[in-house]
Amino acid sequence: MHAFDILGDPVRRRILELLADGEATAGAVSDVIRAEFGISQPAVSQHLRVLREAGFARVRAEGTRRIYAVQAEALHEVDEWLTPFRRYWGPRLAALDTEIARGKRARRQTEERTP
């Protein structure tokens, strides 16, 4: 299955967002996904299995718990596909970075002038 087939599903994207913050138990992931998407625990488990089998997530056992984490290597295919499109947002991000730096500098100068 192609990476975008996997990531095309909003539930799987959300699971990866949760795992991007660090490891999480299957139960914790399931609780969030069930609350946000209104799907059953077996459905969440199926999404976790798809992510695991596609190489986007890894799992390790800790007693009876299953701990999931992002497996970044699978995201390289997505990153490579995006490469030709970066030119569209690269300059805009650079401009944003410049504006943020200007704002910080202006605040710092204002704070230095204020007794």
PDB file of N, CA and C in Angstrom:
ATOM      1  N   MET A   1       0.845  -1.172   0.000  1.00  0.00           N
ATOM      2  CA  MET A   1       0.000   0.000   0.000  1.00  0.00           C
ATOM      3  C   MET A   1       0.892   1.238   0.000  1.00  0.00           C
ATOM      4  N   HIS A   2       0.539   2.213  -0.795  1.00  0.00           N
ATOM      5  CA  HIS A   2       1.299   3.457  -0.915  1.00  0.00           C
ATOM      6  C   HIS A   2       1.117   4.306   0.343  1.00  0.00           C
ATOM      7  N   ALA A   3       2.128   5.077   0.666  1.00  0.00           N
ATOM      8  CA  ALA A   3       2.091   5.904   1.876  1.00  0.00           C
ATOM      9  C   ALA A   3       0.871   6.811   1.909  1.00  0.00           C
ATOM     10  N   PHE A   4       0.499   7.384   0.769  1.00  0.00           N
ATOM     11  CA  PHE A   4      -0.637   8.293   0.769  1.00  0.00           C
ATOM     12  C   PHE A   4      -1.963   7.558   0.907  1.00  0.00           C
ATOM     13  N   ASP A   5      -1.994   6.286   0.555  1.00  0.00           N
ATOM     14  CA  ASP A   5      -3.191   5.490   0.831  1.00  0.00           C
ATOM     15  C   ASP A   5      -3.365   5.341   2.336  1.00  0.00           C
ATOM     16  N   ILE A   6      -2.263   5.142   3.023  1.00  0.00           N
ATOM     17  CA  ILE A   6      -2.296   5.004   4.483  1.00  0.00           C
ATOM     18  C   ILE A   6      -2.672   6.340   5.128  1.00  0.00           C
ATOM     19  N   LEU A   7      -2.016   7.412   4.685  1.00  0.00           N
ATOM     20  CA  LEU A   7      -2.212   8.718   5.304  1.00  0.00           C
ATOM     21  C   LEU A   7      -3.470   9.430   4.828  1.00  0.00           C
ATOM     22  N   GLY A   8      -4.120   8.879   3.834  1.00  0.00           N
ATOM     23  CA  GLY A   8      -5.351   9.486   3.339  1.00  0.00           C
ATOM     24  C   GLY A   8      -6.503   9.372   4.316  1.00  0.00           C
ATOM     25  N   ASP A   9      -6.394   8.494   5.271  1.00  0.00           N
ATOM     26  CA  ASP A   9      -7.460   8.296   6.249  1.00  0.00           C
ATOM     27  C   ASP A   9      -7.256   9.249   7.426  1.00  0.00           C
ATOM     28  N   PRO A  10      -8.273  10.052   7.759  1.00  0.00           N
ATOM     29  CA  PRO A  10      -8.103  11.023   8.846  1.00  0.00           C
ATOM     30  C   PRO A  10      -7.865  10.385  10.213  1.00  0.00           C
ATOM     31  N   VAL A  11      -8.385   9.205  10.434  1.00  0.00           N
ATOM     32  CA  VAL A  11      -8.152   8.533  11.721  1.00  0.00           C
ATOM     33  C   VAL A  11      -6.680   8.154  11.840  1.00  0.00           C
ATOM     34  N   ARG A  12      -6.110   7.603  10.788  1.00  0.00           N
ATOM     35  CA  ARG A  12      -4.690   7.216  10.847  1.00  0.00           C
ATOM     36  C   ARG A  12      -3.785   8.437  10.951  1.00  0.00           C
ATOM     37  N   ARG A  13      -4.146   9.527  10.262  1.00  0.00           N
ATOM     38  CA  ARG A  13      -3.352  10.753  10.411  1.00  0.00           C
ATOM     39  C   ARG A  13      -3.398  11.240  11.850  1.00  0.00           C
ATOM     40  N   ARG A  14      -4.559  11.197  12.468  1.00  0.00           N
ATOM     41  CA  ARG A  14      -4.689  11.658  13.850  1.00  0.00           C
ATOM     42  C   ARG A  14      -3.891  10.776  14.804  1.00  0.00           C
ATOM     43  N   ILE A  15      -3.917   9.471  14.550  1.00  0.00           N
ATOM     44  CA  ILE A  15      -3.119   8.564  15.387  1.00  0.00           C
ATOM     45  C   ILE A  15      -1.643   8.938  15.290  1.00  0.00           C
ATOM     46  N   LEU A  16      -1.162   9.191  14.082  1.00  0.00           N
ATOM     47  CA  LEU A  16       0.245   9.580  13.923  1.00  0.00           C
ATOM     48  C   LEU A  16       0.524  10.911  14.617  1.00  0.00           C
ATOM     49  N   GLU A  17      -0.428  11.840  14.580  1.00  0.00           N
ATOM     50  CA  GLU A  17      -0.246  13.105  15.302  1.00  0.00           C
ATOM     51  C   GLU A  17      -0.093  12.849  16.797  1.00  0.00           C
ATOM     52  N   LEU A  18      -0.911  11.960  17.323  1.00  0.00           N
ATOM     53  CA  LEU A  18      -0.809  11.629  18.748  1.00  0.00           C
ATOM     54  C   LEU A  18       0.542  10.997  19.059  1.00  0.00           C
ATOM     55  N   LEU A  19       0.990  10.107  18.199  1.00  0.00           N
ATOM     56  CA  LEU A  19       2.258   9.414  18.431  1.00  0.00           C
ATOM     57  C   LEU A  19       3.463  10.320  18.185  1.00  0.00           C
ATOM     58  N   ALA A  20       3.270  11.391  17.420  1.00  0.00           N
ATOM     59  CA  ALA A  20       4.378  12.325  17.175  1.00  0.00           C
ATOM     60  C   ALA A  20       4.809  13.009  18.474  1.00  0.00           C
ATOM     61  N   ASP A  21       3.909  13.080  19.449  1.00  0.00           N
ATOM     62  CA  ASP A  21       4.242  13.681  20.741  1.00  0.00           C
ATOM     63  C   ASP A  21       5.041  12.730  21.621  1.00  0.00           C
ATOM     64  N   GLY A  22       5.145  11.473  21.227  1.00  0.00           N
ATOM     65  CA  GLY A  22       5.875  10.474  22.003  1.00  0.00           C
ATOM     66  C   GLY A  22       5.088   9.183  22.066  1.00  0.00           C
ATOM     67  N   GLU A  23       5.664   8.206  22.701  1.00  0.00           N
ATOM     68  CA  GLU A  23       5.016   6.906  22.818  1.00  0.00           C
ATOM     69  C   GLU A  23       3.669   7.030  23.529  1.00  0.00           C
ATOM     70  N   ALA A  24       2.762   6.126  23.153  1.00  0.00           N
ATOM     71  CA  ALA A  24       1.448   6.097  23.799  1.00  0.00           C
ATOM     72  C   ALA A  24       0.942   4.667  23.818  1.00  0.00           C
ATOM     73  N   THR A  25       0.203   4.343  24.851  1.00  0.00           N
ATOM     74  CA  THR A  25      -0.378   3.006  24.918  1.00  0.00           C
ATOM     75  C   THR A  25      -1.523   2.912  23.924  1.00  0.00           C
ATOM     76  N   ALA A  26      -1.811   1.685  23.511  1.00  0.00           N
ATOM     77  CA  ALA A  26      -2.932   1.459  22.609  1.00  0.00           C
ATOM     78  C   ALA A  26      -4.222   1.972  23.250  1.00  0.00           C
ATOM     79  N   GLY A  27      -4.354   1.787  24.554  1.00  0.00           N
ATOM     80  CA  GLY A  27      -5.541   2.252  25.253  1.00  0.00           C
ATOM     81  C   GLY A  27      -5.691   3.761  25.223  1.00  0.00           C
ATOM     82  N   ALA A  28      -4.586   4.483  25.428  1.00  0.00           N
ATOM     83  CA  ALA A  28      -4.635   5.943  25.409  1.00  0.00           C
ATOM     84  C   ALA A  28      -4.986   6.452  24.017  1.00  0.00           C
ATOM     85  N   VAL A  29      -4.372   5.850  23.003  1.00  0.00           N
ATOM     86  CA  VAL A  29      -4.687   6.228  21.622  1.00  0.00           C
ATOM     87  C   VAL A  29      -6.157   5.953  21.340  1.00  0.00           C
ATOM     88  N   SER A  30      -6.594   4.780  21.732  1.00  0.00           N
ATOM     89  CA  SER A  30      -7.980   4.379  21.503  1.00  0.00           C
ATOM     90  C   SER A  30      -8.960   5.336  22.175  1.00  0.00           C
ATOM     91  N   ASP A  31      -8.672   5.749  23.401  1.00  0.00           N
ATOM     92  CA  ASP A  31      -9.564   6.667  24.114  1.00  0.00           C
ATOM     93  C   ASP A  31      -9.740   7.979  23.345  1.00  0.00           C
ATOM     94  N   VAL A  32      -8.637   8.545  22.868  1.00  0.00           N
ATOM     95  CA  VAL A  32      -8.700   9.816  22.139  1.00  0.00           C
ATOM     96  C   VAL A  32      -9.443   9.637  20.819  1.00  0.00           C
ATOM     97  N   ILE A  33      -9.082   8.615  20.070  1.00  0.00           N
ATOM     98  CA  ILE A  33      -9.685   8.402  18.753  1.00  0.00           C
ATOM     99  C   ILE A  33     -11.171   8.097  18.876  1.00  0.00           C
ATOM    100  N   ARG A  34     -11.527   7.277  19.844  1.00  0.00           N
ATOM    101  CA  ARG A  34     -12.948   6.959  20.036  1.00  0.00           C
ATOM    102  C   ARG A  34     -13.740   8.215  20.380  1.00  0.00           C
ATOM    103  N   ALA A  35     -13.175   9.077  21.204  1.00  0.00           N
ATOM    104  CA  ALA A  35     -13.862  10.313  21.585  1.00  0.00           C
ATOM    105  C   ALA A  35     -13.984  11.279  20.402  1.00  0.00           C
ATOM    106  N   GLU A  36     -12.928  11.377  19.603  1.00  0.00           N
ATOM    107  CA  GLU A  36     -12.925  12.346  18.502  1.00  0.00           C
ATOM    108  C   GLU A  36     -13.692  11.858  17.274  1.00  0.00           C
ATOM    109  N   PHE A  37     -13.633  10.556  16.996  1.00  0.00           N
ATOM    110  CA  PHE A  37     -14.216  10.040  15.758  1.00  0.00           C
ATOM    111  C   PHE A  37     -15.451   9.168  15.983  1.00  0.00           C
ATOM    112  N   GLY A  38     -15.714   8.802  17.220  1.00  0.00           N
ATOM    113  CA  GLY A  38     -16.887   7.997  17.512  1.00  0.00           C
ATOM    114  C   GLY A  38     -16.840   6.594  16.928  1.00  0.00           C
ATOM    115  N   ILE A  39     -15.645   6.022  16.863  1.00  0.00           N
ATOM    116  CA  ILE A  39     -15.519   4.660  16.345  1.00  0.00           C
ATOM    117  C   ILE A  39     -15.211   3.705  17.490  1.00  0.00           C
ATOM    118  N   SER A  40     -15.374   2.433  17.240  1.00  0.00           N
ATOM    119  CA  SER A  40     -15.191   1.421  18.281  1.00  0.00           C
ATOM    120  C   SER A  40     -13.710   1.143  18.545  1.00  0.00           C
ATOM    121  N   GLN A  41     -13.453   0.523  19.687  1.00  0.00           N
ATOM    122  CA  GLN A  41     -12.081   0.139  20.024  1.00  0.00           C
ATOM    123  C   GLN A  41     -11.523  -0.839  19.000  1.00  0.00           C
ATOM    124  N   PRO A  42     -12.286  -1.846  18.530  1.00  0.00           N
ATOM    125  CA  PRO A  42     -11.745  -2.726  17.494  1.00  0.00           C
ATOM    126  C   PRO A  42     -11.392  -1.986  16.198  1.00  0.00           C
ATOM    127  N   ALA A  43     -12.152  -0.955  15.865  1.00  0.00           N
ATOM    128  CA  ALA A  43     -11.834  -0.165  14.673  1.00  0.00           C
ATOM    129  C   ALA A  43     -10.522   0.592  14.859  1.00  0.00           C
ATOM    130  N   VAL A  44     -10.301   1.135  16.059  1.00  0.00           N
ATOM    131  CA  VAL A  44      -9.036   1.821  16.347  1.00  0.00           C
ATOM    132  C   VAL A  44      -7.888   0.820  16.259  1.00  0.00           C
ATOM    133  N   SER A  45      -8.088  -0.361  16.808  1.00  0.00           N
ATOM    134  CA  SER A  45      -7.055  -1.405  16.743  1.00  0.00           C
ATOM    135  C   SER A  45      -6.717  -1.753  15.303  1.00  0.00           C
ATOM    136  N   GLN A  46      -7.713  -1.772  14.453  1.00  0.00           N
ATOM    137  CA  GLN A  46      -7.487  -2.059  13.028  1.00  0.00           C
ATOM    138  C   GLN A  46      -6.630  -0.963  12.400  1.00  0.00           C
ATOM    139  N   HIS A  47      -6.901   0.289  12.723  1.00  0.00           N
ATOM    140  CA  HIS A  47      -6.092   1.397  12.198  1.00  0.00           C
ATOM    141  C   HIS A  47      -4.658   1.299  12.710  1.00  0.00           C
ATOM    142  N   LEU A  48      -4.487   0.957  13.974  1.00  0.00           N
ATOM    143  CA  LEU A  48      -3.141   0.777  14.519  1.00  0.00           C
ATOM    144  C   LEU A  48      -2.411  -0.350  13.797  1.00  0.00           C
ATOM    145  N   ARG A  49      -3.129  -1.424  13.493  1.00  0.00           N
ATOM    146  CA  ARG A  49      -2.530  -2.549  12.775  1.00  0.00           C
ATOM    147  C   ARG A  49      -2.083  -2.119  11.384  1.00  0.00           C
ATOM    148  N   VAL A  50      -2.917  -1.358  10.682  1.00  0.00           N
ATOM    149  CA  VAL A  50      -2.556  -0.880   9.341  1.00  0.00           C
ATOM    150  C   VAL A  50      -1.293  -0.021   9.422  1.00  0.00           C
ATOM    151  N   LEU A  51      -1.243   0.894  10.388  1.00  0.00           N
ATOM    152  CA  LEU A  51      -0.054   1.743  10.551  1.00  0.00           C
ATOM    153  C   LEU A  51       1.185   0.912  10.860  1.00  0.00           C
ATOM    154  N   ARG A  52       1.023  -0.085  11.705  1.00  0.00           N
ATOM    155  CA  ARG A  52       2.146  -0.949  12.076  1.00  0.00           C
ATOM    156  C   ARG A  52       2.618  -1.757  10.867  1.00  0.00           C
ATOM    157  N   GLU A  53       1.705  -2.382  10.151  1.00  0.00           N
ATOM    158  CA  GLU A  53       2.083  -3.226   9.015  1.00  0.00           C
ATOM    159  C   GLU A  53       2.667  -2.413   7.863  1.00  0.00           C
ATOM    160  N   ALA A  54       2.257  -1.149   7.739  1.00  0.00           N
ATOM    161  CA  ALA A  54       2.792  -0.284   6.691  1.00  0.00           C
ATOM    162  C   ALA A  54       4.115   0.354   7.100  1.00  0.00           C
ATOM    163  N   GLY A  55       4.526   0.157   8.354  1.00  0.00           N
ATOM    164  CA  GLY A  55       5.803   0.684   8.810  1.00  0.00           C
ATOM    165  C   GLY A  55       5.754   2.091   9.365  1.00  0.00           C
ATOM    166  N   PHE A  56       4.563   2.651   9.553  1.00  0.00           N
ATOM    167  CA  PHE A  56       4.442   3.996  10.100  1.00  0.00           C
ATOM    168  C   PHE A  56       4.507   4.018  11.620  1.00  0.00           C
ATOM    169  N   ALA A  57       4.224   2.894  12.238  1.00  0.00           N
ATOM    170  CA  ALA A  57       4.249   2.817  13.700  1.00  0.00           C
ATOM    171  C   ALA A  57       4.917   1.514  14.112  1.00  0.00           C
ATOM    172  N   ARG A  58       5.498   1.547  15.288  1.00  0.00           N
ATOM    173  CA  ARG A  58       6.062   0.320  15.855  1.00  0.00           C
ATOM    174  C   ARG A  58       5.407   0.107  17.212  1.00  0.00           C
ATOM    175  N   VAL A  59       5.418  -1.123  17.650  1.00  0.00           N
ATOM    176  CA  VAL A  59       4.778  -1.454  18.916  1.00  0.00           C
ATOM    177  C   VAL A  59       5.726  -2.317  19.722  1.00  0.00           C
ATOM    178  N   ARG A  60       5.658  -2.142  21.028  1.00  0.00           N
ATOM    179  CA  ARG A  60       6.417  -3.004  21.926  1.00  0.00           C
ATOM    180  C   ARG A  60       5.505  -3.365  23.092  1.00  0.00           C
ATOM    181  N   ALA A  61       5.724  -4.545  23.587  1.00  0.00           N
ATOM    182  CA  ALA A  61       4.913  -5.016  24.714  1.00  0.00           C
ATOM    183  C   ALA A  61       5.568  -4.578  26.009  1.00  0.00           C
ATOM    184  N   GLU A  62       4.732  -4.162  26.938  1.00  0.00           N
ATOM    185  CA  GLU A  62       5.179  -3.824  28.289  1.00  0.00           C
ATOM    186  C   GLU A  62       4.141  -4.445  29.224  1.00  0.00           C
ATOM    187  N   GLY A  63       4.417  -5.680  29.613  1.00  0.00           N
ATOM    188  CA  GLY A  63       3.416  -6.435  30.366  1.00  0.00           C
ATOM    189  C   GLY A  63       2.242  -6.739  29.449  1.00  0.00           C
ATOM    190  N   THR A  64       1.066  -6.344  29.884  1.00  0.00           N
ATOM    191  CA  THR A  64      -0.122  -6.560  29.051  1.00  0.00           C
ATOM    192  C   THR A  64      -0.423  -5.366  28.158  1.00  0.00           C
ATOM    193  N   ARG A  65       0.327  -4.296  28.326  1.00  0.00           N
ATOM    194  CA  ARG A  65       0.094  -3.091  27.524  1.00  0.00           C
ATOM    195  C   ARG A  65       0.899  -3.143  26.236  1.00  0.00           C
ATOM    196  N   ARG A  66       0.376  -2.472  25.230  1.00  0.00           N
ATOM    197  CA  ARG A  66       1.075  -2.313  23.960  1.00  0.00           C
ATOM    198  C   ARG A  66       1.391  -0.834  23.809  1.00  0.00           C
ATOM    199  N   ILE A  67       2.676  -0.535  23.645  1.00  0.00           N
ATOM    200  CA  ILE A  67       3.141   0.841  23.539  1.00  0.00           C
ATOM    201  C   ILE A  67       3.479   1.117  22.075  1.00  0.00           C
ATOM    202  N   TYR A  68       2.843   2.140  21.517  1.00  0.00           N
ATOM    203  CA  TYR A  68       3.048   2.506  20.114  1.00  0.00           C
ATOM    204  C   TYR A  68       3.911   3.752  20.007  1.00  0.00           C
ATOM    205  N   ALA A  69       4.649   3.836  18.901  1.00  0.00           N
ATOM    206  CA  ALA A  69       5.476   5.003  18.599  1.00  0.00           C
ATOM    207  C   ALA A  69       5.548   5.163  17.085  1.00  0.00           C
ATOM    208  N   VAL A  70       5.826   6.386  16.656  1.00  0.00           N
ATOM    209  CA  VAL A  70       6.016   6.643  15.225  1.00  0.00           C
ATOM    210  C   VAL A  70       7.300   5.978  14.774  1.00  0.00           C
ATOM    211  N   GLN A  71       7.262   5.437  13.592  1.00  0.00           N
ATOM    212  CA  GLN A  71       8.464   4.896  12.960  1.00  0.00           C
ATOM    213  C   GLN A  71       8.745   5.812  11.771  1.00  0.00           C
ATOM    214  N   ALA A  72       9.653   6.740  11.958  1.00  0.00           N
ATOM    215  CA  ALA A  72       9.866   7.842  11.018  1.00  0.00           C
ATOM    216  C   ALA A  72      10.343   7.408   9.637  1.00  0.00           C
ATOM    217  N   GLU A  73      10.970   6.266   9.534  1.00  0.00           N
ATOM    218  CA  GLU A  73      11.509   5.844   8.240  1.00  0.00           C
ATOM    219  C   GLU A  73      10.435   5.789   7.165  1.00  0.00           C
ATOM    220  N   ALA A  74       9.239   5.380   7.528  1.00  0.00           N
ATOM    221  CA  ALA A  74       8.156   5.286   6.542  1.00  0.00           C
ATOM    222  C   ALA A  74       7.739   6.658   6.023  1.00  0.00           C
ATOM    223  N   LEU A  75       8.014   7.694   6.784  1.00  0.00           N
ATOM    224  CA  LEU A  75       7.649   9.036   6.358  1.00  0.00           C
ATOM    225  C   LEU A  75       8.610   9.594   5.309  1.00  0.00           C
ATOM    226  N   HIS A  76       9.728   8.929   5.093  1.00  0.00           N
ATOM    227  CA  HIS A  76      10.684   9.387   4.080  1.00  0.00           C
ATOM    228  C   HIS A  76      10.069   9.385   2.689  1.00  0.00           C
ATOM    229  N   GLU A  77       9.234   8.401   2.388  1.00  0.00           N
ATOM    230  CA  GLU A  77       8.575   8.346   1.084  1.00  0.00           C
ATOM    231  C   GLU A  77       7.706   9.588   0.881  1.00  0.00           C
ATOM    232  N   VAL A  78       7.005   9.986   1.909  1.00  0.00           N
ATOM    233  CA  VAL A  78       6.171  11.183   1.842  1.00  0.00           C
ATOM    234  C   VAL A  78       7.058  12.417   1.678  1.00  0.00           C
ATOM    235  N   ASP A  79       8.126  12.486   2.445  1.00  0.00           N
ATOM    236  CA  ASP A  79       9.049  13.605   2.376  1.00  0.00           C
ATOM    237  C   ASP A  79       9.651  13.738   0.976  1.00  0.00           C
ATOM    238  N   GLU A  80      10.041  12.626   0.393  1.00  0.00           N
ATOM    239  CA  GLU A  80      10.605  12.655  -0.959  1.00  0.00           C
ATOM    240  C   GLU A  80       9.574  13.138  -1.972  1.00  0.00           C
ATOM    241  N   TRP A  81       8.341  12.703  -1.823  1.00  0.00           N
ATOM    242  CA  TRP A  81       7.305  13.109  -2.756  1.00  0.00           C
ATOM    243  C   TRP A  81       7.051  14.609  -2.657  1.00  0.00           C
ATOM    244  N   LEU A  82       7.156  15.164  -1.464  1.00  0.00           N
ATOM    245  CA  LEU A  82       6.903  16.587  -1.250  1.00  0.00           C
ATOM    246  C   LEU A  82       8.035  17.489  -1.735  1.00  0.00           C
ATOM    247  N   THR A  83       9.213  16.937  -1.939  1.00  0.00           N
ATOM    248  CA  THR A  83      10.390  17.739  -2.283  1.00  0.00           C
ATOM    249  C   THR A  83      10.146  18.736  -3.412  1.00  0.00           C
ATOM    250  N   PRO A  84       9.568  18.342  -4.552  1.00  0.00           N
ATOM    251  CA  PRO A  84       9.395  19.341  -5.618  1.00  0.00           C
ATOM    252  C   PRO A  84       8.410  20.461  -5.274  1.00  0.00           C
ATOM    253  N   PHE A  85       7.599  20.257  -4.258  1.00  0.00           N
ATOM    254  CA  PHE A  85       6.602  21.259  -3.888  1.00  0.00           C
ATOM    255  C   PHE A  85       7.091  22.236  -2.837  1.00  0.00           C
ATOM    256  N   ARG A  86       8.207  21.938  -2.226  1.00  0.00           N
ATOM    257  CA  ARG A  86       8.727  22.809  -1.170  1.00  0.00           C
ATOM    258  C   ARG A  86       9.024  24.217  -1.682  1.00  0.00           C
ATOM    259  N   ARG A  87       9.338  24.353  -2.943  1.00  0.00           N
ATOM    260  CA  ARG A  87       9.651  25.669  -3.502  1.00  0.00           C
ATOM    261  C   ARG A  87       8.462  26.620  -3.399  1.00  0.00           C
ATOM    262  N   TYR A  88       7.260  26.068  -3.294  1.00  0.00           N
ATOM    263  CA  TYR A  88       6.080  26.917  -3.194  1.00  0.00           C
ATOM    264  C   TYR A  88       5.920  27.536  -1.819  1.00  0.00           C
ATOM    265  N   TRP A  89       6.288  26.802  -0.792  1.00  0.00           N
ATOM    266  CA  TRP A  89       6.104  27.366   0.550  1.00  0.00           C
ATOM    267  C   TRP A  89       7.423  27.760   1.211  1.00  0.00           C
ATOM    268  N   GLY A  90       8.542  27.356   0.671  1.00  0.00           N
ATOM    269  CA  GLY A  90       9.839  27.713   1.253  1.00  0.00           C
ATOM    270  C   GLY A  90      10.039  29.209   1.407  1.00  0.00           C
ATOM    271  N   PRO A  91       9.851  29.989   0.334  1.00  0.00           N
ATOM    272  CA  PRO A  91      10.026  31.447   0.474  1.00  0.00           C
ATOM    273  C   PRO A  91       9.038  32.074   1.453  1.00  0.00           C
ATOM    274  N   ARG A  92       7.824  31.549   1.490  1.00  0.00           N
ATOM    275  CA  ARG A  92       6.827  32.095   2.416  1.00  0.00           C
ATOM    276  C   ARG A  92       7.214  31.810   3.865  1.00  0.00           C
ATOM    277  N   LEU A  93       7.732  30.631   4.107  1.00  0.00           N
ATOM    278  CA  LEU A  93       8.175  30.301   5.463  1.00  0.00           C
ATOM    279  C   LEU A  93       9.372  31.146   5.865  1.00  0.00           C
ATOM    280  N   ALA A  94      10.268  31.392   4.911  1.00  0.00           N
ATOM    281  CA  ALA A  94      11.417  32.246   5.197  1.00  0.00           C
ATOM    282  C   ALA A  94      10.957  33.666   5.525  1.00  0.00           C
ATOM    283  N   ALA A  95       9.967  34.169   4.773  1.00  0.00           N
ATOM    284  CA  ALA A  95       9.432  35.500   5.036  1.00  0.00           C
ATOM    285  C   ALA A  95       8.751  35.541   6.407  1.00  0.00           C
ATOM    286  N   LEU A  96       8.026  34.502   6.742  1.00  0.00           N
ATOM    287  CA  LEU A  96       7.391  34.434   8.059  1.00  0.00           C
ATOM    288  C   LEU A  96       8.442  34.454   9.161  1.00  0.00           C
ATOM    289  N   ASP A  97       9.506  33.701   8.974  1.00  0.00           N
ATOM    290  CA  ASP A  97      10.586  33.673   9.957  1.00  0.00           C
ATOM    291  C   ASP A  97      11.184  35.066  10.140  1.00  0.00           C
ATOM    292  N   THR A  98      11.343  35.794   9.038  1.00  0.00           N
ATOM    293  CA  THR A  98      11.873  37.156   9.104  1.00  0.00           C
ATOM    294  C   THR A  98      10.939  38.062   9.884  1.00  0.00           C
ATOM    295  N   GLU A  99       9.636  37.952   9.627  1.00  0.00           N
ATOM    296  CA  GLU A  99       8.658  38.785  10.334  1.00  0.00           C
ATOM    297  C   GLU A  99       8.613  38.461  11.823  1.00  0.00           C
ATOM    298  N   ILE A 100       8.727  37.206  12.152  1.00  0.00           N
ATOM    299  CA  ILE A 100       8.756  36.812  13.571  1.00  0.00           C
ATOM    300  C   ILE A 100       9.978  37.401  14.257  1.00  0.00           C
ATOM    301  N   ALA A 101      11.119  37.323  13.579  1.00  0.00           N
ATOM    302  CA  ALA A 101      12.347  37.894  14.145  1.00  0.00           C
ATOM    303  C   ALA A 101      12.218  39.403  14.325  1.00  0.00           C
ATOM    304  N   ARG A 102      11.608  40.092  13.348  1.00  0.00           N
ATOM    305  CA  ARG A 102      11.404  41.548  13.469  1.00  0.00           C
ATOM    306  C   ARG A 102      10.513  41.865  14.670  1.00  0.00           C
ATOM    307  N   GLY A 103       9.453  41.100  14.827  1.00  0.00           N
ATOM    308  CA  GLY A 103       8.546  41.312  15.957  1.00  0.00           C
ATOM    309  C   GLY A 103       9.246  41.122  17.287  1.00  0.00           C
ATOM    310  N   LYS A 104      10.047  40.078  17.391  1.00  0.00           N
ATOM    311  CA  LYS A 104      10.793  39.829  18.629  1.00  0.00           C
ATOM    312  C   LYS A 104      11.768  40.965  18.908  1.00  0.00           C
ATOM    313  N   ARG A 105      12.448  41.427  17.869  1.00  0.00           N
ATOM    314  CA  ARG A 105      13.412  42.516  18.017  1.00  0.00           C
ATOM    315  C   ARG A 105      12.698  43.791  18.472  1.00  0.00           C
ATOM    316  N   ALA A 106      11.555  44.081  17.866  1.00  0.00           N
ATOM    317  CA  ALA A 106      10.795  45.291  18.240  1.00  0.00           C
ATOM    318  C   ALA A 106      10.324  45.208  19.682  1.00  0.00           C
ATOM    319  N   ARG A 107       9.845  44.038  20.115  1.00  0.00           N
ATOM    320  CA  ARG A 107       9.417  43.878  21.518  1.00  0.00           C
ATOM    321  C   ARG A 107      10.595  44.067  22.468  1.00  0.00           C
ATOM    322  N   ARG A 108      11.719  43.484  22.110  1.00  0.00           N
ATOM    323  CA  ARG A 108      12.905  43.594  22.957  1.00  0.00           C
ATOM    324  C   ARG A 108      13.335  45.055  23.074  1.00  0.00           C
ATOM    325  N   GLN A 109      13.318  45.791  21.948  1.00  0.00           N
ATOM    326  CA  GLN A 109      13.700  47.202  21.978  1.00  0.00           C
ATOM    327  C   GLN A 109      12.722  48.022  22.810  1.00  0.00           C
ATOM    328  N   THR A 110      11.429  47.709  22.717  1.00  0.00           N
ATOM    329  CA  THR A 110      10.425  48.406  23.525  1.00  0.00           C
ATOM    330  C   THR A 110      10.642  48.147  24.994  1.00  0.00           C
ATOM    331  N   GLU A 111      10.927  46.888  25.342  1.00  0.00           N
ATOM    332  CA  GLU A 111      11.168  46.529  26.743  1.00  0.00           C
ATOM    333  C   GLU A 111      12.418  47.207  27.286  1.00  0.00           C
ATOM    334  N   GLU A 112      13.439  47.367  26.440  1.00  0.00           N
ATOM    335  CA  GLU A 112      14.679  47.992  26.881  1.00  0.00           C
ATOM    336  C   GLU A 112      14.458  49.489  27.134  1.00  0.00           C
ATOM    337  N   ARG A 113      13.556  50.119  26.378  1.00  0.00           N
ATOM    338  CA  ARG A 113      13.294  51.556  26.543  1.00  0.00           C
ATOM    339  C   ARG A 113      12.363  51.835  27.721  1.00  0.00           C
ATOM    340  N   THR A 114      11.563  50.845  28.096  1.00  0.00           N
ATOM    341  CA  THR A 114      10.617  51.022  29.190  1.00  0.00           C
ATOM    342  C   THR A 114      11.331  50.775  30.523  1.00  0.00           C
ATOM    343  N   PRO A 115      11.313  51.810  31.405  1.00  0.00           N
ATOM    344  CA  PRO A 115      12.016  51.655  32.699  1.00  0.00           C
ATOM    345  C   PRO A 115      11.276  50.764  33.656  1.00  0.00           C
TER     346      PRO A 115
END
